[in-house]
Amino acid sequence: MRHPSVLSVSSVANEIGRPIHVVSTKYDGSAHWEFDSFFVLEDGPLLIATNFAGQVLHNKAGEWPTPFDVRNHFWQDRWYNVMRCDKPQAGGLAPAGLPADLDHYYCNVTTPTMYDGENVRYVDLDLDVRVHADGRIELLDEDEFVENSERMGYPPEVMEQAKRAADELIELATKRAFPFEHLP
């Protein structure tokens, strides 16, 4: 019989607030973003993690301290992830049950996330969707997508999935469906 203070591997794997490591690359394997995040929830193919304003993220240009409290939504069966970016609350996070001060959602078109319980990995496919707090939606980086698809040799099926993912994000935001249900 195990002592009650010893946690099983599965309970540790789901411990809220434990650090997880996020690594994204470009299609050619070059570094894109890398940072630590904090586990919130795993629900089937959905993983939710969080970052806090002032936390340092790393990209090819160097260090970038995020100005937002960020709720990251990673799916293992979807070709995108969604980052809800909230303005930091005076004195910390918004109290439980009260809405945070949404600044925008930043959505990355990516390969489906791979998650092993400690590490999140995905390939960034350039296209992005920004959804403003007032509900306006912008498709970003179409030129970068075309340029990188040619330079890095994206297969036709990857290009199709990326375009479908951008369309799906726009549709979800337009319908105010999860994770965009807090838009006006």
C-alpha atoms as a PDB file:
ATOM      1  CA  MET A   1       0.000   0.000   0.000  1.00  0.00           C
ATOM      2  CA  ARG A   2       1.312   3.424  -0.955  1.00  0.00           C
ATOM      3  CA  HIS A   3       1.554   6.246   1.575  1.00  0.00           C
ATOM      4  CA  PRO A   4      -1.213   8.845   0.878  1.00  0.00           C
ATOM      5  CA  SER A   5       1.341  11.645   0.458  1.00  0.00           C
ATOM      6  CA  VAL A   6       2.886   9.920  -2.587  1.00  0.00           C
ATOM      7  CA  LEU A   7       1.217  11.091  -5.792  1.00  0.00           C
ATOM      8  CA  SER A   8       0.673   8.732  -8.674  1.00  0.00           C
ATOM      9  CA  VAL A   9       2.202   9.583 -12.042  1.00  0.00           C
ATOM     10  CA  SER A  10      -1.236  10.319 -13.504  1.00  0.00           C
ATOM     11  CA  SER A  11      -2.132  12.757 -10.712  1.00  0.00           C
ATOM     12  CA  VAL A  12       1.192  14.593 -11.156  1.00  0.00           C
ATOM     13  CA  ALA A  13       0.593  14.755 -14.915  1.00  0.00           C
ATOM     14  CA  ASN A  14      -2.641  16.672 -14.277  1.00  0.00           C
ATOM     15  CA  GLU A  15      -1.498  18.914 -11.429  1.00  0.00           C
ATOM     16  CA  ILE A  16      -2.829  22.448 -11.983  1.00  0.00           C
ATOM     17  CA  GLY A  17      -0.103  25.080 -12.111  1.00  0.00           C
ATOM     18  CA  ARG A  18       2.803  22.782 -12.861  1.00  0.00           C
ATOM     19  CA  PRO A  19       5.178  24.049 -15.551  1.00  0.00           C
ATOM     20  CA  ILE A  20       5.042  22.693 -19.073  1.00  0.00           C
ATOM     21  CA  HIS A  21       7.394  23.632 -21.886  1.00  0.00           C
ATOM     22  CA  VAL A  22       6.113  24.985 -25.231  1.00  0.00           C
ATOM     23  CA  VAL A  23       8.234  24.773 -28.387  1.00  0.00           C
ATOM     24  CA  SER A  24       7.164  25.818 -31.849  1.00  0.00           C
ATOM     25  CA  THR A  25       9.236  25.543 -34.975  1.00  0.00           C
ATOM     26  CA  LYS A  26       8.791  26.552 -38.570  1.00  0.00           C
ATOM     27  CA  TYR A  27       8.158  23.886 -41.221  1.00  0.00           C
ATOM     28  CA  ASP A  28      11.890  23.573 -41.963  1.00  0.00           C
ATOM     29  CA  GLY A  29      12.606  22.820 -38.280  1.00  0.00           C
ATOM     30  CA  SER A  30      14.043  26.245 -37.430  1.00  0.00           C
ATOM     31  CA  ALA A  31      13.203  27.711 -34.024  1.00  0.00           C
ATOM     32  CA  HIS A  32      10.139  29.934 -33.763  1.00  0.00           C
ATOM     33  CA  TRP A  33       8.900  30.363 -30.131  1.00  0.00           C
ATOM     34  CA  GLU A  34       9.910  28.686 -26.893  1.00  0.00           C
ATOM     35  CA  PHE A  35       8.606  29.337 -23.388  1.00  0.00           C
ATOM     36  CA  ASP A  36       7.379  27.796 -20.189  1.00  0.00           C
ATOM     37  CA  SER A  37       3.684  27.846 -19.452  1.00  0.00           C
ATOM     38  CA  PHE A  38       1.559  26.565 -16.586  1.00  0.00           C
ATOM     39  CA  PHE A  39      -0.857  23.658 -16.868  1.00  0.00           C
ATOM     40  CA  VAL A  40      -4.540  24.450 -16.305  1.00  0.00           C
ATOM     41  CA  LEU A  41      -6.594  21.651 -17.888  1.00  0.00           C
ATOM     42  CA  GLU A  42      -6.430  18.692 -20.224  1.00  0.00           C
ATOM     43  CA  ASP A  43      -9.803  17.687 -21.646  1.00  0.00           C
ATOM     44  CA  GLY A  44      -9.524  15.087 -24.387  1.00  0.00           C
ATOM     45  CA  PRO A  45      -7.546  16.655 -27.246  1.00  0.00           C
ATOM     46  CA  LEU A  46      -7.648  20.150 -25.652  1.00  0.00           C
ATOM     47  CA  LEU A  47      -4.854  21.397 -23.417  1.00  0.00           C
ATOM     48  CA  ILE A  48      -5.176  24.744 -21.652  1.00  0.00           C
ATOM     49  CA  ALA A  49      -2.150  26.456 -20.151  1.00  0.00           C
ATOM     50  CA  THR A  50      -1.494  29.974 -18.928  1.00  0.00           C
ATOM     51  CA  ASN A  51       1.218  32.620 -18.918  1.00  0.00           C
ATOM     52  CA  PHE A  52       1.410  35.860 -16.972  1.00  0.00           C
ATOM     53  CA  ALA A  53       2.289  39.410 -17.955  1.00  0.00           C
ATOM     54  CA  GLY A  54       6.010  40.028 -17.677  1.00  0.00           C
ATOM     55  CA  GLN A  55       6.913  36.422 -18.332  1.00  0.00           C
ATOM     56  CA  VAL A  56       9.781  36.103 -20.815  1.00  0.00           C
ATOM     57  CA  LEU A  57       9.185  34.181 -24.032  1.00  0.00           C
ATOM     58  CA  HIS A  58      11.959  33.422 -26.525  1.00  0.00           C
ATOM     59  CA  ASN A  59      11.970  33.667 -30.312  1.00  0.00           C
ATOM     60  CA  LYS A  60      14.638  33.980 -33.001  1.00  0.00           C
ATOM     61  CA  ALA A  61      14.866  37.728 -32.311  1.00  0.00           C
ATOM     62  CA  GLY A  62      15.621  37.119 -28.622  1.00  0.00           C
ATOM     63  CA  GLU A  63      13.647  37.544 -25.424  1.00  0.00           C
ATOM     64  CA  TRP A  64      10.151  39.034 -25.371  1.00  0.00           C
ATOM     65  CA  PRO A  65       8.361  39.783 -22.090  1.00  0.00           C
ATOM     66  CA  THR A  66       4.658  39.296 -22.710  1.00  0.00           C
ATOM     67  CA  PRO A  67       2.544  42.324 -21.777  1.00  0.00           C
ATOM     68  CA  PHE A  68      -0.543  40.114 -21.309  1.00  0.00           C
ATOM     69  CA  ASP A  69      -1.948  37.410 -19.087  1.00  0.00           C
ATOM     70  CA  VAL A  70      -2.450  34.670 -21.676  1.00  0.00           C
ATOM     71  CA  ARG A  71      -4.734  31.637 -21.697  1.00  0.00           C
ATOM     72  CA  ASN A  72      -3.324  29.204 -24.282  1.00  0.00           C
ATOM     73  CA  HIS A  73      -5.636  26.698 -25.987  1.00  0.00           C
ATOM     74  CA  PHE A  74      -3.759  23.872 -27.739  1.00  0.00           C
ATOM     75  CA  TRP A  75      -5.542  21.055 -29.571  1.00  0.00           C
ATOM     76  CA  GLN A  76      -4.075  17.730 -30.561  1.00  0.00           C
ATOM     77  CA  ASP A  77      -6.668  17.317 -33.308  1.00  0.00           C
ATOM     78  CA  ARG A  78      -6.900  20.828 -34.798  1.00  0.00           C
ATOM     79  CA  TRP A  79      -4.581  22.783 -37.068  1.00  0.00           C
ATOM     80  CA  TYR A  80      -4.408  25.876 -34.854  1.00  0.00           C
ATOM     81  CA  ASN A  81      -4.037  27.174 -31.334  1.00  0.00           C
ATOM     82  CA  VAL A  82      -5.704  30.157 -29.693  1.00  0.00           C
ATOM     83  CA  MET A  83      -4.174  32.545 -27.203  1.00  0.00           C
ATOM     84  CA  ARG A  84      -6.579  34.705 -25.233  1.00  0.00           C
ATOM     85  CA  CYS A  85      -4.620  37.855 -24.303  1.00  0.00           C
ATOM     86  CA  ASP A  86      -5.949  39.760 -21.303  1.00  0.00           C
ATOM     87  CA  LYS A  87      -4.732  43.080 -19.950  1.00  0.00           C
ATOM     88  CA  PRO A  88      -3.093  42.361 -16.600  1.00  0.00           C
ATOM     89  CA  GLN A  89      -5.247  43.066 -13.559  1.00  0.00           C
ATOM     90  CA  ALA A  90      -3.970  45.434 -10.876  1.00  0.00           C
ATOM     91  CA  GLY A  91      -2.781  43.162  -8.098  1.00  0.00           C
ATOM     92  CA  GLY A  92      -2.766  40.002 -10.210  1.00  0.00           C
ATOM     93  CA  LEU A  93      -5.320  37.841 -11.984  1.00  0.00           C
ATOM     94  CA  ALA A  94      -9.009  38.712 -12.081  1.00  0.00           C
ATOM     95  CA  PRO A  95     -10.856  37.226  -9.100  1.00  0.00           C
ATOM     96  CA  ALA A  96     -12.556  33.892  -9.739  1.00  0.00           C
ATOM     97  CA  GLY A  97     -15.884  34.317 -11.442  1.00  0.00           C
ATOM     98  CA  LEU A  98     -15.169  37.833 -12.697  1.00  0.00           C
ATOM     99  CA  PRO A  99     -14.323  38.436 -16.345  1.00  0.00           C
ATOM    100  CA  ALA A 100     -10.765  39.399 -17.206  1.00  0.00           C
ATOM    101  CA  ASP A 101     -10.103  42.480 -19.331  1.00  0.00           C
ATOM    102  CA  LEU A 102      -9.833  40.980 -22.823  1.00  0.00           C
ATOM    103  CA  ASP A 103      -7.430  42.723 -25.190  1.00  0.00           C
ATOM    104  CA  HIS A 104      -7.555  40.248 -28.108  1.00  0.00           C
ATOM    105  CA  TYR A 105      -7.249  36.649 -29.207  1.00  0.00           C
ATOM    106  CA  TYR A 106      -4.190  35.678 -31.230  1.00  0.00           C
ATOM    107  CA  CYS A 107      -4.676  32.511 -33.239  1.00  0.00           C
ATOM    108  CA  ASN A 108      -1.804  30.630 -34.846  1.00  0.00           C
ATOM    109  CA  VAL A 109      -2.401  28.265 -37.744  1.00  0.00           C
ATOM    110  CA  THR A 110      -0.195  25.271 -36.926  1.00  0.00           C
ATOM    111  CA  THR A 111       0.103  21.535 -37.187  1.00  0.00           C
ATOM    112  CA  PRO A 112      -1.875  19.718 -34.489  1.00  0.00           C
ATOM    113  CA  THR A 113      -0.171  19.948 -31.088  1.00  0.00           C
ATOM    114  CA  MET A 114       1.890  17.071 -29.760  1.00  0.00           C
ATOM    115  CA  TYR A 115       1.726  16.859 -25.958  1.00  0.00           C
ATOM    116  CA  ASP A 116       3.558  14.291 -23.842  1.00  0.00           C
ATOM    117  CA  GLY A 117       2.497  15.505 -20.399  1.00  0.00           C
ATOM    118  CA  GLU A 118       5.468  17.865 -20.068  1.00  0.00           C
ATOM    119  CA  ASN A 119       6.102  19.362 -23.523  1.00  0.00           C
ATOM    120  CA  VAL A 120       3.876  21.020 -26.107  1.00  0.00           C
ATOM    121  CA  ARG A 121       5.242  20.977 -29.662  1.00  0.00           C
ATOM    122  CA  TYR A 122       3.821  22.206 -32.940  1.00  0.00           C
ATOM    123  CA  VAL A 123       4.878  23.615 -36.311  1.00  0.00           C
ATOM    124  CA  ASP A 124       3.819  27.193 -37.040  1.00  0.00           C
ATOM    125  CA  LEU A 125       2.378  27.561 -40.552  1.00  0.00           C
ATOM    126  CA  ASP A 126       2.565  31.366 -40.740  1.00  0.00           C
ATOM    127  CA  LEU A 127      -1.120  32.265 -41.109  1.00  0.00           C
ATOM    128  CA  ASP A 128      -2.565  34.011 -38.066  1.00  0.00           C
ATOM    129  CA  VAL A 129      -5.978  35.319 -37.103  1.00  0.00           C
ATOM    130  CA  ARG A 130      -6.328  38.217 -34.686  1.00  0.00           C
ATOM    131  CA  VAL A 131      -9.712  38.699 -33.047  1.00  0.00           C
ATOM    132  CA  HIS A 132     -10.072  42.068 -31.329  1.00  0.00           C
ATOM    133  CA  ALA A 133     -12.036  42.544 -28.105  1.00  0.00           C
ATOM    134  CA  ASP A 134     -14.728  44.388 -30.082  1.00  0.00           C
ATOM    135  CA  GLY A 135     -15.177  41.347 -32.360  1.00  0.00           C
ATOM    136  CA  ARG A 136     -13.272  42.591 -35.422  1.00  0.00           C
ATOM    137  CA  ILE A 137     -11.391  39.764 -37.154  1.00  0.00           C
ATOM    138  CA  GLU A 138      -8.187  40.041 -39.183  1.00  0.00           C
ATOM    139  CA  LEU A 139      -6.425  37.378 -41.241  1.00  0.00           C
ATOM    140  CA  LEU A 140      -2.681  38.042 -40.938  1.00  0.00           C
ATOM    141  CA  ASP A 141       0.540  36.999 -42.663  1.00  0.00           C
ATOM    142  CA  GLU A 142      -0.891  35.656 -45.918  1.00  0.00           C
ATOM    143  CA  ASP A 143       2.240  36.883 -47.730  1.00  0.00           C
ATOM    144  CA  GLU A 144       4.498  35.065 -45.252  1.00  0.00           C
ATOM    145  CA  PHE A 145       2.434  31.894 -45.754  1.00  0.00           C
ATOM    146  CA  VAL A 146       2.861  32.031 -49.551  1.00  0.00           C
ATOM    147  CA  GLU A 147       6.576  32.843 -49.298  1.00  0.00           C
ATOM    148  CA  ASN A 148       7.356  30.118 -46.738  1.00  0.00           C
ATOM    149  CA  SER A 149       5.191  27.512 -48.469  1.00  0.00           C
ATOM    150  CA  GLU A 150       7.330  27.949 -51.584  1.00  0.00           C
ATOM    151  CA  ARG A 151      10.673  28.279 -49.785  1.00  0.00           C
ATOM    152  CA  MET A 152      10.083  25.398 -47.344  1.00  0.00           C
ATOM    153  CA  GLY A 153       8.078  23.198 -49.712  1.00  0.00           C
ATOM    154  CA  TYR A 154       4.761  22.822 -47.888  1.00  0.00           C
ATOM    155  CA  PRO A 155       2.942  19.825 -49.369  1.00  0.00           C
ATOM    156  CA  PRO A 156      -0.449  20.620 -50.954  1.00  0.00           C
ATOM    157  CA  GLU A 157      -2.317  18.847 -48.106  1.00  0.00           C
ATOM    158  CA  VAL A 158      -0.550  21.028 -45.499  1.00  0.00           C
ATOM    159  CA  MET A 159      -1.476  24.168 -47.440  1.00  0.00           C
ATOM    160  CA  GLU A 160      -5.103  23.000 -47.636  1.00  0.00           C
ATOM    161  CA  GLN A 161      -5.246  22.214 -43.907  1.00  0.00           C
ATOM    162  CA  ALA A 162      -3.761  25.626 -43.074  1.00  0.00           C
ATOM    163  CA  LYS A 163      -6.323  27.472 -45.194  1.00  0.00           C
ATOM    164  CA  ARG A 164      -9.161  25.409 -43.687  1.00  0.00           C
ATOM    165  CA  ALA A 165      -7.857  26.146 -40.185  1.00  0.00           C
ATOM    166  CA  ALA A 166      -7.868  29.906 -40.829  1.00  0.00           C
ATOM    167  CA  ASP A 167     -11.434  29.649 -42.173  1.00  0.00           C
ATOM    168  CA  GLU A 168     -12.513  27.623 -39.124  1.00  0.00           C
ATOM    169  CA  LEU A 169     -11.024  30.175 -36.724  1.00  0.00           C
ATOM    170  CA  ILE A 170     -12.838  33.006 -38.491  1.00  0.00           C
ATOM    171  CA  GLU A 171     -16.095  31.046 -38.388  1.00  0.00           C
ATOM    172  CA  LEU A 172     -15.729  30.213 -34.666  1.00  0.00           C
ATOM    173  CA  ALA A 173     -15.007  33.851 -33.838  1.00  0.00           C
ATOM    174  CA  THR A 174     -17.914  35.071 -35.978  1.00  0.00           C
ATOM    175  CA  LYS A 175     -20.287  32.656 -34.206  1.00  0.00           C
ATOM    176  CA  ARG A 176     -18.775  33.486 -30.782  1.00  0.00           C
ATOM    177  CA  ALA A 177     -18.150  29.769 -30.260  1.00  0.00           C
ATOM    178  CA  PHE A 178     -15.543  28.412 -27.821  1.00  0.00           C
ATOM    179  CA  PRO A 179     -13.026  29.821 -27.091  1.00  0.00           C
ATOM    180  CA  PHE A 180     -14.458  33.111 -28.405  1.00  0.00           C
ATOM    181  CA  GLU A 181     -17.700  33.042 -26.394  1.00  0.00           C
ATOM    182  CA  HIS A 182     -16.761  36.163 -24.402  1.00  0.00           C
ATOM    183  CA  LEU A 183     -16.787  38.489 -27.422  1.00  0.00           C
ATOM    184  CA  PRO A 184     -19.555  41.109 -27.625  1.00  0.00           C
END
